[in-house]
Amino acid sequence: MKLFLLEPDHSNSTSIVFAKEEDASWVLELLNGKPIAEGWNGLEIKRVVKNARGTKKSKHSLDYPTSFIGFPIFSERATTALGNHLTSNGEILPVQCSDGSYFVFNCTRVVDCLDVDSCVGPRFDDGRLITVKKFTFLDQRIEAHSIFIVPQLLQTKIIVSADFVEFAKVAALRGLVFTEIWK
């Protein structure tokens, strides 16, 4: 089974940031793979576009902009196109944004399939991975989920299947980059 990292297109200059700095502390506490929809009161975000002349608003929006709020952010167009892939593996939570309709995706599908000892990457003193440069998975634990996270990295790395990649490509979604990490 081929697996990919879902990442935003960093070559594009559209980013999502907190509209209020104080939201950063409570949102980051929620990055644990557990459902949060019941207590979700929304979040105000803003879309920022940087170009050679500085910061400005853009008429062009991405379906998966770079997010500096911890959670992945999808446009309404992307959540419609990827609907079942997202809802069967997490929660789609509304946010307030004056520049368009966006949603936080809280991935609750946590699959313990990472072969931590064989992964390559910098580690903390206790051996835990900081990040992964080369992924290794336990084949027998990989299930047929289209989007998931691993407990060792939680929301920092969203992993998707080849089916998810194909759906995104057919829908011509903008701003998504898929980096193959396993086959």
N, C-alpha and C. Protein backbone atom coordinates (compact mmCIF):
# COMPACT_ATOMS: atom_id res chain seq x y z
N MET A 1 0.85 -1.18 0.00
CA MET A 1 0.00 0.00 0.00
C MET A 1 0.89 1.24 0.00
N LYS A 2 0.69 2.10 -0.97
CA LYS A 2 1.45 3.34 -1.04
C LYS A 2 0.88 4.34 -0.04
N LEU A 3 1.78 5.04 0.64
CA LEU A 3 1.39 6.08 1.59
C LEU A 3 2.11 7.37 1.25
N PHE A 4 1.43 8.48 1.52
CA PHE A 4 1.95 9.80 1.20
C PHE A 4 1.76 10.73 2.39
N LEU A 5 2.64 11.70 2.53
CA LEU A 5 2.41 12.80 3.46
C LEU A 5 1.56 13.82 2.74
N LEU A 6 0.56 14.33 3.42
CA LEU A 6 -0.24 15.43 2.90
C LEU A 6 0.36 16.71 3.43
N GLU A 7 0.80 17.56 2.52
CA GLU A 7 1.44 18.81 2.91
C GLU A 7 0.89 19.95 2.06
N PRO A 8 0.95 21.16 2.57
CA PRO A 8 0.56 22.31 1.75
C PRO A 8 1.68 22.66 0.78
N ASP A 9 1.32 23.33 -0.29
CA ASP A 9 2.28 23.80 -1.27
C ASP A 9 2.96 25.05 -0.72
N HIS A 10 4.15 24.87 -0.15
CA HIS A 10 4.85 25.99 0.47
C HIS A 10 5.39 26.98 -0.56
N SER A 11 5.41 26.60 -1.84
CA SER A 11 5.88 27.55 -2.85
C SER A 11 4.82 28.62 -3.11
N ASN A 12 3.58 28.33 -2.74
CA ASN A 12 2.53 29.32 -2.84
C ASN A 12 2.57 30.16 -1.57
N SER A 13 2.21 31.39 -1.68
CA SER A 13 2.40 32.30 -0.56
C SER A 13 1.14 32.52 0.29
N THR A 14 0.13 31.67 0.13
CA THR A 14 -1.09 31.81 0.93
C THR A 14 -0.95 31.03 2.23
N SER A 15 -1.20 31.70 3.34
CA SER A 15 -1.09 31.06 4.66
C SER A 15 -2.33 31.36 5.48
N ILE A 16 -2.62 30.48 6.42
CA ILE A 16 -3.69 30.68 7.39
C ILE A 16 -3.03 30.89 8.75
N VAL A 17 -3.44 31.93 9.44
CA VAL A 17 -2.89 32.24 10.76
C VAL A 17 -4.05 32.53 11.72
N PHE A 18 -3.76 32.52 13.01
CA PHE A 18 -4.75 32.89 14.00
C PHE A 18 -5.10 34.37 13.84
N ALA A 19 -6.37 34.68 13.90
CA ALA A 19 -6.77 36.08 13.90
C ALA A 19 -6.44 36.71 15.26
N LYS A 20 -6.51 35.87 16.32
CA LYS A 20 -6.20 36.33 17.67
C LYS A 20 -5.09 35.45 18.23
N GLU A 21 -3.98 36.06 18.62
CA GLU A 21 -2.83 35.32 19.14
C GLU A 21 -3.19 34.42 20.32
N GLU A 22 -4.10 34.87 21.17
CA GLU A 22 -4.44 34.10 22.38
C GLU A 22 -5.09 32.74 22.05
N ASP A 23 -5.57 32.57 20.82
CA ASP A 23 -6.16 31.29 20.44
C ASP A 23 -5.10 30.19 20.29
N ALA A 24 -3.86 30.58 20.07
CA ALA A 24 -2.80 29.59 19.85
C ALA A 24 -2.66 28.62 21.01
N SER A 25 -2.75 29.09 22.23
CA SER A 25 -2.51 28.22 23.38
C SER A 25 -3.59 27.15 23.53
N TRP A 26 -4.85 27.50 23.43
CA TRP A 26 -5.88 26.48 23.63
C TRP A 26 -6.01 25.54 22.44
N VAL A 27 -5.75 26.01 21.23
CA VAL A 27 -5.86 25.14 20.06
C VAL A 27 -4.75 24.09 20.08
N LEU A 28 -3.54 24.48 20.43
CA LEU A 28 -2.42 23.53 20.43
C LEU A 28 -2.62 22.42 21.45
N GLU A 29 -3.38 22.67 22.50
CA GLU A 29 -3.68 21.63 23.49
C GLU A 29 -4.59 20.55 22.92
N LEU A 30 -5.26 20.83 21.83
CA LEU A 30 -6.21 19.89 21.25
C LEU A 30 -5.59 18.93 20.24
N LEU A 31 -4.30 19.08 19.95
CA LEU A 31 -3.66 18.26 18.93
C LEU A 31 -3.30 16.88 19.47
N ASN A 32 -4.32 16.05 19.70
CA ASN A 32 -4.05 14.75 20.30
C ASN A 32 -4.79 13.60 19.62
N GLY A 33 -5.45 13.84 18.51
CA GLY A 33 -6.13 12.77 17.79
C GLY A 33 -7.48 12.39 18.36
N LYS A 34 -7.96 13.13 19.34
CA LYS A 34 -9.25 12.83 19.97
C LYS A 34 -10.33 13.77 19.43
N PRO A 35 -11.59 13.30 19.43
CA PRO A 35 -12.69 14.16 18.96
C PRO A 35 -12.83 15.42 19.82
N ILE A 36 -13.13 16.52 19.15
CA ILE A 36 -13.31 17.79 19.87
C ILE A 36 -14.55 18.55 19.41
N ALA A 37 -15.31 17.97 18.46
CA ALA A 37 -16.45 18.68 17.88
C ALA A 37 -17.48 19.10 18.93
N GLU A 38 -17.71 18.26 19.92
CA GLU A 38 -18.73 18.56 20.92
C GLU A 38 -18.47 19.88 21.65
N GLY A 39 -17.23 20.19 21.94
CA GLY A 39 -16.92 21.43 22.65
C GLY A 39 -16.39 22.54 21.75
N TRP A 40 -16.43 22.32 20.44
CA TRP A 40 -15.86 23.28 19.49
C TRP A 40 -16.71 24.54 19.42
N ASN A 41 -16.11 25.67 19.72
CA ASN A 41 -16.83 26.95 19.67
C ASN A 41 -16.38 27.79 18.49
N GLY A 42 -15.63 27.19 17.61
CA GLY A 42 -15.15 27.92 16.45
C GLY A 42 -13.82 28.58 16.71
N LEU A 43 -13.31 29.16 15.71
CA LEU A 43 -12.00 29.78 15.75
C LEU A 43 -11.99 30.81 14.65
N GLU A 44 -11.38 31.94 14.91
CA GLU A 44 -11.27 32.97 13.89
C GLU A 44 -9.87 32.91 13.29
N ILE A 45 -9.83 32.78 11.97
CA ILE A 45 -8.56 32.72 11.27
C ILE A 45 -8.52 33.82 10.22
N LYS A 46 -7.33 34.06 9.70
CA LYS A 46 -7.24 34.99 8.57
C LYS A 46 -6.28 34.42 7.54
N ARG A 47 -6.59 34.73 6.31
CA ARG A 47 -5.77 34.29 5.19
C ARG A 47 -4.80 35.41 4.85
N VAL A 48 -3.54 35.08 4.78
CA VAL A 48 -2.51 36.07 4.49
C VAL A 48 -1.78 35.63 3.23
N VAL A 49 -1.58 36.57 2.33
CA VAL A 49 -0.85 36.30 1.10
C VAL A 49 0.35 37.21 1.07
N LYS A 50 1.52 36.62 0.93
CA LYS A 50 2.74 37.42 0.84
C LYS A 50 3.27 37.37 -0.58
N ASN A 51 3.71 38.51 -1.03
CA ASN A 51 4.35 38.57 -2.33
C ASN A 51 5.61 39.42 -2.20
N ALA A 52 6.26 39.70 -3.31
CA ALA A 52 7.51 40.45 -3.28
C ALA A 52 7.33 41.85 -2.69
N ARG A 53 6.12 42.40 -2.76
CA ARG A 53 5.87 43.75 -2.26
C ARG A 53 5.38 43.75 -0.81
N GLY A 54 5.21 42.59 -0.21
CA GLY A 54 4.73 42.57 1.17
C GLY A 54 3.48 41.72 1.31
N THR A 55 2.63 42.09 2.23
CA THR A 55 1.43 41.33 2.52
C THR A 55 0.22 41.98 1.87
N LYS A 56 -0.64 41.17 1.27
CA LYS A 56 -1.85 41.67 0.65
C LYS A 56 -2.89 40.57 0.62
N LYS A 57 -4.10 40.93 0.31
CA LYS A 57 -5.16 39.94 0.11
C LYS A 57 -5.10 39.48 -1.34
N SER A 58 -5.53 38.25 -1.56
CA SER A 58 -5.51 37.69 -2.90
C SER A 58 -6.90 37.22 -3.30
N LYS A 59 -7.20 37.31 -4.57
CA LYS A 59 -8.46 36.78 -5.07
C LYS A 59 -8.38 35.27 -5.26
N HIS A 60 -7.18 34.74 -5.32
CA HIS A 60 -6.98 33.31 -5.57
C HIS A 60 -6.85 32.58 -4.24
N SER A 61 -7.72 31.62 -4.03
CA SER A 61 -7.63 30.87 -2.78
C SER A 61 -7.22 29.43 -3.07
N LEU A 62 -6.60 28.84 -2.08
CA LEU A 62 -6.18 27.46 -2.18
C LEU A 62 -7.15 26.58 -1.42
N ASP A 63 -7.21 25.33 -1.82
CA ASP A 63 -8.08 24.38 -1.13
C ASP A 63 -7.38 23.81 0.11
N TYR A 64 -6.06 23.97 0.17
CA TYR A 64 -5.29 23.49 1.31
C TYR A 64 -4.12 24.45 1.55
N PRO A 65 -4.39 25.59 2.14
CA PRO A 65 -3.32 26.58 2.35
C PRO A 65 -2.37 26.16 3.47
N THR A 66 -1.20 26.75 3.50
CA THR A 66 -0.26 26.53 4.59
C THR A 66 -0.93 27.01 5.87
N SER A 67 -0.93 26.16 6.89
CA SER A 67 -1.60 26.49 8.14
C SER A 67 -0.59 26.65 9.27
N PHE A 68 -0.68 27.76 9.95
CA PHE A 68 0.17 27.99 11.11
C PHE A 68 -0.62 27.86 12.40
N ILE A 69 -1.73 27.10 12.34
CA ILE A 69 -2.53 26.94 13.56
C ILE A 69 -2.47 25.52 14.11
N GLY A 70 -1.67 24.64 13.52
CA GLY A 70 -1.51 23.28 14.04
C GLY A 70 -2.37 22.26 13.32
N PHE A 71 -3.60 22.58 13.03
CA PHE A 71 -4.51 21.67 12.33
C PHE A 71 -4.45 21.94 10.83
N PRO A 72 -4.72 20.92 10.02
CA PRO A 72 -4.87 21.18 8.59
C PRO A 72 -6.15 21.99 8.34
N ILE A 73 -6.10 22.83 7.34
CA ILE A 73 -7.24 23.66 6.96
C ILE A 73 -7.62 23.32 5.52
N PHE A 74 -8.90 23.04 5.30
CA PHE A 74 -9.40 22.77 3.95
C PHE A 74 -10.45 23.81 3.58
N SER A 75 -10.52 24.12 2.30
CA SER A 75 -11.58 25.00 1.80
C SER A 75 -12.90 24.23 1.77
N GLU A 76 -13.99 24.96 1.60
CA GLU A 76 -15.29 24.30 1.47
C GLU A 76 -15.31 23.39 0.25
N ARG A 77 -14.68 23.85 -0.83
CA ARG A 77 -14.60 23.06 -2.06
C ARG A 77 -13.90 21.73 -1.81
N ALA A 78 -12.80 21.77 -1.03
CA ALA A 78 -12.05 20.54 -0.72
C ALA A 78 -12.84 19.62 0.19
N THR A 79 -13.51 20.17 1.20
CA THR A 79 -14.27 19.32 2.11
C THR A 79 -15.44 18.66 1.38
N THR A 80 -16.00 19.33 0.40
CA THR A 80 -17.07 18.72 -0.41
C THR A 80 -16.50 17.60 -1.27
N ALA A 81 -15.38 17.86 -1.93
CA ALA A 81 -14.78 16.87 -2.82
C ALA A 81 -14.26 15.64 -2.06
N LEU A 82 -13.69 15.87 -0.89
CA LEU A 82 -13.08 14.77 -0.13
C LEU A 82 -13.98 14.25 0.98
N GLY A 83 -15.21 14.76 1.03
CA GLY A 83 -16.18 14.49 2.08
C GLY A 83 -16.02 13.22 2.87
N ASN A 84 -16.33 12.05 2.30
CA ASN A 84 -16.31 10.80 3.05
C ASN A 84 -14.92 10.43 3.52
N HIS A 85 -13.90 10.76 2.74
CA HIS A 85 -12.52 10.48 3.17
C HIS A 85 -12.23 11.20 4.49
N LEU A 86 -12.71 12.44 4.59
CA LEU A 86 -12.46 13.22 5.79
C LEU A 86 -13.38 12.81 6.94
N THR A 87 -14.67 12.73 6.69
CA THR A 87 -15.61 12.47 7.79
C THR A 87 -15.48 11.07 8.38
N SER A 88 -15.01 10.11 7.62
CA SER A 88 -14.84 8.76 8.17
C SER A 88 -13.53 8.63 8.96
N ASN A 89 -12.71 9.65 8.94
CA ASN A 89 -11.41 9.60 9.61
C ASN A 89 -11.14 10.78 10.53
N GLY A 90 -12.15 11.59 10.74
CA GLY A 90 -11.95 12.75 11.60
C GLY A 90 -13.15 13.67 11.61
N GLU A 91 -12.92 14.89 12.03
CA GLU A 91 -13.98 15.88 12.17
C GLU A 91 -13.69 17.10 11.30
N ILE A 92 -14.73 17.59 10.66
CA ILE A 92 -14.64 18.83 9.89
C ILE A 92 -15.29 19.91 10.74
N LEU A 93 -14.50 20.88 11.16
CA LEU A 93 -14.96 21.89 12.10
C LEU A 93 -14.93 23.28 11.46
N PRO A 94 -16.02 24.02 11.54
CA PRO A 94 -16.06 25.33 10.89
C PRO A 94 -15.18 26.35 11.61
N VAL A 95 -14.65 27.26 10.82
CA VAL A 95 -13.89 28.40 11.35
C VAL A 95 -14.44 29.66 10.71
N GLN A 96 -14.19 30.80 11.35
CA GLN A 96 -14.62 32.07 10.78
C GLN A 96 -13.44 32.69 10.02
N CYS A 97 -13.70 33.05 8.78
CA CYS A 97 -12.67 33.69 7.96
C CYS A 97 -13.38 34.64 7.00
N SER A 98 -12.95 35.89 6.99
CA SER A 98 -13.60 36.88 6.13
C SER A 98 -13.26 36.68 4.65
N ASP A 99 -12.24 35.86 4.37
CA ASP A 99 -11.79 35.68 2.98
C ASP A 99 -12.27 34.39 2.33
N GLY A 100 -13.22 33.69 2.94
CA GLY A 100 -13.71 32.46 2.34
C GLY A 100 -14.21 31.49 3.38
N SER A 101 -14.68 30.37 2.89
CA SER A 101 -15.24 29.35 3.77
C SER A 101 -14.20 28.24 3.96
N TYR A 102 -13.69 28.13 5.18
CA TYR A 102 -12.65 27.15 5.50
C TYR A 102 -13.07 26.30 6.69
N PHE A 103 -12.43 25.14 6.80
CA PHE A 103 -12.72 24.20 7.87
C PHE A 103 -11.43 23.60 8.41
N VAL A 104 -11.37 23.44 9.71
CA VAL A 104 -10.28 22.71 10.36
C VAL A 104 -10.60 21.23 10.19
N PHE A 105 -9.59 20.43 9.89
CA PHE A 105 -9.76 18.98 9.89
C PHE A 105 -9.01 18.42 11.10
N ASN A 106 -9.78 17.84 12.02
CA ASN A 106 -9.21 17.18 13.19
C ASN A 106 -9.18 15.69 12.90
N CYS A 107 -8.00 15.18 12.56
CA CYS A 107 -7.87 13.76 12.24
C CYS A 107 -7.93 12.95 13.53
N THR A 108 -8.94 12.08 13.61
CA THR A 108 -9.10 11.23 14.79
C THR A 108 -8.75 9.77 14.50
N ARG A 109 -8.38 9.48 13.26
CA ARG A 109 -7.97 8.12 12.90
C ARG A 109 -6.48 7.99 13.25
N VAL A 110 -6.19 7.38 14.38
CA VAL A 110 -4.82 7.19 14.84
C VAL A 110 -4.47 5.72 14.64
N VAL A 111 -3.45 5.45 13.82
CA VAL A 111 -3.05 4.08 13.51
C VAL A 111 -1.61 3.88 13.99
N ASP A 112 -1.42 2.96 14.90
CA ASP A 112 -0.08 2.69 15.44
C ASP A 112 0.65 1.71 14.53
N CYS A 113 1.14 2.23 13.41
CA CYS A 113 1.77 1.38 12.40
C CYS A 113 3.19 1.80 12.07
N LEU A 114 3.72 2.78 12.76
CA LEU A 114 5.07 3.26 12.50
C LEU A 114 6.08 2.34 13.17
N ASP A 115 7.07 1.87 12.41
CA ASP A 115 8.16 1.08 12.97
C ASP A 115 9.20 2.07 13.49
N VAL A 116 8.98 2.53 14.70
CA VAL A 116 9.77 3.63 15.27
C VAL A 116 11.27 3.32 15.28
N ASP A 117 11.64 2.10 15.63
CA ASP A 117 13.06 1.75 15.72
C ASP A 117 13.77 1.81 14.38
N SER A 118 13.04 1.59 13.28
CA SER A 118 13.64 1.60 11.94
C SER A 118 13.54 2.95 11.24
N CYS A 119 12.75 3.85 11.77
CA CYS A 119 12.62 5.18 11.15
C CYS A 119 13.92 5.96 11.34
N VAL A 120 14.19 6.80 10.37
CA VAL A 120 15.38 7.64 10.42
C VAL A 120 14.95 9.08 10.67
N GLY A 121 15.59 9.71 11.64
CA GLY A 121 15.28 11.10 11.94
C GLY A 121 15.84 11.49 13.29
N PRO A 122 15.90 12.78 13.56
CA PRO A 122 16.42 13.23 14.86
C PRO A 122 15.50 12.77 15.98
N ARG A 123 16.13 12.52 17.14
CA ARG A 123 15.39 11.99 18.28
C ARG A 123 15.69 12.80 19.54
N PHE A 124 14.74 12.75 20.46
CA PHE A 124 14.96 13.31 21.79
C PHE A 124 15.89 12.37 22.54
N ASP A 125 16.42 12.81 23.67
CA ASP A 125 17.33 11.99 24.47
C ASP A 125 16.72 10.65 24.87
N ASP A 126 15.39 10.62 25.05
CA ASP A 126 14.74 9.37 25.46
C ASP A 126 14.43 8.44 24.28
N GLY A 127 14.83 8.82 23.06
CA GLY A 127 14.65 7.97 21.89
C GLY A 127 13.42 8.28 21.06
N ARG A 128 12.51 9.11 21.57
CA ARG A 128 11.33 9.48 20.79
C ARG A 128 11.74 10.30 19.57
N LEU A 129 10.99 10.12 18.49
CA LEU A 129 11.27 10.85 17.26
C LEU A 129 10.85 12.31 17.38
N ILE A 130 11.69 13.21 16.92
CA ILE A 130 11.32 14.62 16.82
C ILE A 130 10.56 14.80 15.51
N THR A 131 11.14 14.28 14.45
CA THR A 131 10.52 14.26 13.13
C THR A 131 11.10 13.06 12.39
N VAL A 132 10.55 12.74 11.24
CA VAL A 132 10.98 11.57 10.50
C VAL A 132 11.50 11.99 9.12
N LYS A 133 12.71 11.57 8.82
CA LYS A 133 13.30 11.82 7.49
C LYS A 133 12.99 10.66 6.55
N LYS A 134 13.01 9.41 7.11
CA LYS A 134 12.69 8.21 6.33
C LYS A 134 11.73 7.37 7.16
N PHE A 135 10.53 7.18 6.60
CA PHE A 135 9.49 6.42 7.29
C PHE A 135 9.65 4.92 7.06
N THR A 136 9.33 4.15 8.08
CA THR A 136 9.22 2.70 7.97
C THR A 136 7.95 2.30 8.71
N PHE A 137 7.14 1.49 8.05
CA PHE A 137 5.86 1.08 8.63
C PHE A 137 5.83 -0.42 8.87
N LEU A 138 5.02 -0.84 9.80
CA LEU A 138 4.77 -2.25 10.06
C LEU A 138 3.62 -2.66 9.15
N ASP A 139 3.94 -3.40 8.09
CA ASP A 139 2.94 -3.75 7.07
C ASP A 139 1.67 -4.36 7.66
N GLN A 140 1.83 -5.24 8.65
CA GLN A 140 0.67 -5.92 9.21
C GLN A 140 -0.27 -4.98 9.96
N ARG A 141 0.20 -3.78 10.30
CA ARG A 141 -0.64 -2.82 11.03
C ARG A 141 -1.25 -1.75 10.14
N ILE A 142 -0.78 -1.67 8.91
CA ILE A 142 -1.34 -0.68 7.99
C ILE A 142 -2.71 -1.17 7.54
N GLU A 143 -3.69 -0.38 7.78
CA GLU A 143 -5.05 -0.74 7.39
C GLU A 143 -5.45 0.13 6.20
N ALA A 144 -6.58 -0.16 5.63
CA ALA A 144 -7.04 0.56 4.44
C ALA A 144 -7.75 1.86 4.80
N HIS A 145 -7.07 2.74 5.50
CA HIS A 145 -7.64 4.05 5.82
C HIS A 145 -7.10 5.05 4.81
N SER A 146 -7.95 5.97 4.40
CA SER A 146 -7.51 6.92 3.39
C SER A 146 -6.74 8.10 3.98
N ILE A 147 -6.93 8.38 5.26
CA ILE A 147 -6.20 9.47 5.91
C ILE A 147 -6.08 9.14 7.40
N PHE A 148 -4.87 9.28 7.93
CA PHE A 148 -4.66 8.95 9.34
C PHE A 148 -3.41 9.64 9.88
N ILE A 149 -3.25 9.55 11.19
CA ILE A 149 -2.05 10.03 11.85
C ILE A 149 -1.48 8.88 12.67
N VAL A 150 -0.21 8.99 13.03
CA VAL A 150 0.42 7.97 13.89
C VAL A 150 0.61 8.59 15.27
N PRO A 151 0.49 7.78 16.33
CA PRO A 151 0.55 8.35 17.69
C PRO A 151 1.87 9.03 18.02
N GLN A 152 2.94 8.62 17.37
CA GLN A 152 4.25 9.20 17.66
C GLN A 152 4.39 10.62 17.13
N LEU A 153 3.58 10.98 16.14
CA LEU A 153 3.70 12.31 15.53
C LEU A 153 2.39 13.09 15.57
N LEU A 154 1.30 12.45 15.91
CA LEU A 154 -0.03 13.05 15.98
C LEU A 154 -0.28 14.03 14.85
N GLN A 155 -0.75 15.23 15.12
CA GLN A 155 -1.20 16.11 14.05
C GLN A 155 -0.07 16.70 13.20
N THR A 156 1.19 16.46 13.58
CA THR A 156 2.26 17.10 12.81
C THR A 156 2.44 16.48 11.43
N LYS A 157 2.02 15.23 11.25
CA LYS A 157 2.14 14.57 9.95
C LYS A 157 0.83 13.88 9.62
N ILE A 158 0.20 14.30 8.55
CA ILE A 158 -1.03 13.66 8.07
C ILE A 158 -0.62 12.71 6.95
N ILE A 159 -1.01 11.44 7.09
CA ILE A 159 -0.64 10.41 6.13
C ILE A 159 -1.89 10.02 5.35
N VAL A 160 -1.74 9.90 4.03
CA VAL A 160 -2.88 9.58 3.18
C VAL A 160 -2.55 8.42 2.24
N SER A 161 -3.60 7.76 1.76
CA SER A 161 -3.46 6.63 0.84
C SER A 161 -3.43 7.12 -0.61
N ALA A 162 -3.10 6.19 -1.50
CA ALA A 162 -3.12 6.50 -2.94
C ALA A 162 -4.54 6.86 -3.40
N ASP A 163 -5.57 6.24 -2.79
CA ASP A 163 -6.96 6.58 -3.14
C ASP A 163 -7.26 8.04 -2.83
N PHE A 164 -6.81 8.51 -1.67
CA PHE A 164 -7.02 9.91 -1.29
C PHE A 164 -6.35 10.83 -2.30
N VAL A 165 -5.11 10.50 -2.66
CA VAL A 165 -4.37 11.30 -3.64
C VAL A 165 -5.13 11.37 -4.95
N GLU A 166 -5.65 10.24 -5.40
CA GLU A 166 -6.39 10.19 -6.67
C GLU A 166 -7.65 11.05 -6.60
N PHE A 167 -8.41 10.97 -5.50
CA PHE A 167 -9.61 11.80 -5.35
C PHE A 167 -9.25 13.29 -5.41
N ALA A 168 -8.18 13.67 -4.74
CA ALA A 168 -7.76 15.07 -4.73
C ALA A 168 -7.35 15.54 -6.13
N LYS A 169 -6.67 14.67 -6.86
CA LYS A 169 -6.24 15.04 -8.22
C LYS A 169 -7.42 15.14 -9.17
N VAL A 170 -8.36 14.21 -9.08
CA VAL A 170 -9.54 14.25 -9.94
C VAL A 170 -10.35 15.52 -9.66
N ALA A 171 -10.42 15.92 -8.40
CA ALA A 171 -11.16 17.13 -8.02
C ALA A 171 -10.39 18.40 -8.35
N ALA A 172 -9.16 18.27 -8.82
CA ALA A 172 -8.31 19.42 -9.17
C ALA A 172 -8.17 20.40 -8.00
N LEU A 173 -7.94 19.84 -6.81
CA LEU A 173 -7.77 20.68 -5.63
C LEU A 173 -6.43 21.40 -5.68
N ARG A 174 -6.42 22.65 -5.24
CA ARG A 174 -5.23 23.50 -5.31
C ARG A 174 -4.55 23.59 -3.94
N GLY A 175 -3.22 23.49 -3.96
CA GLY A 175 -2.45 23.71 -2.74
C GLY A 175 -2.05 22.45 -1.99
N LEU A 176 -2.43 21.28 -2.48
CA LEU A 176 -2.06 20.03 -1.82
C LEU A 176 -0.82 19.45 -2.48
N VAL A 177 0.12 19.01 -1.66
CA VAL A 177 1.33 18.35 -2.14
C VAL A 177 1.37 16.98 -1.48
N PHE A 178 1.64 15.96 -2.28
CA PHE A 178 1.71 14.60 -1.77
C PHE A 178 3.13 14.07 -1.95
N THR A 179 3.77 13.74 -0.85
CA THR A 179 5.13 13.22 -0.88
C THR A 179 5.07 11.73 -0.53
N GLU A 180 5.46 10.88 -1.48
CA GLU A 180 5.41 9.44 -1.23
C GLU A 180 6.42 9.08 -0.15
N ILE A 181 5.94 8.33 0.86
CA ILE A 181 6.82 7.94 1.96
C ILE A 181 6.90 6.44 2.17
N TRP A 182 6.05 5.67 1.46
CA TRP A 182 6.06 4.22 1.65
C TRP A 182 5.39 3.53 0.48
N LYS A 183 5.96 2.40 0.05
CA LYS A 183 5.28 1.58 -0.97
C LYS A 183 5.51 0.13 -0.70
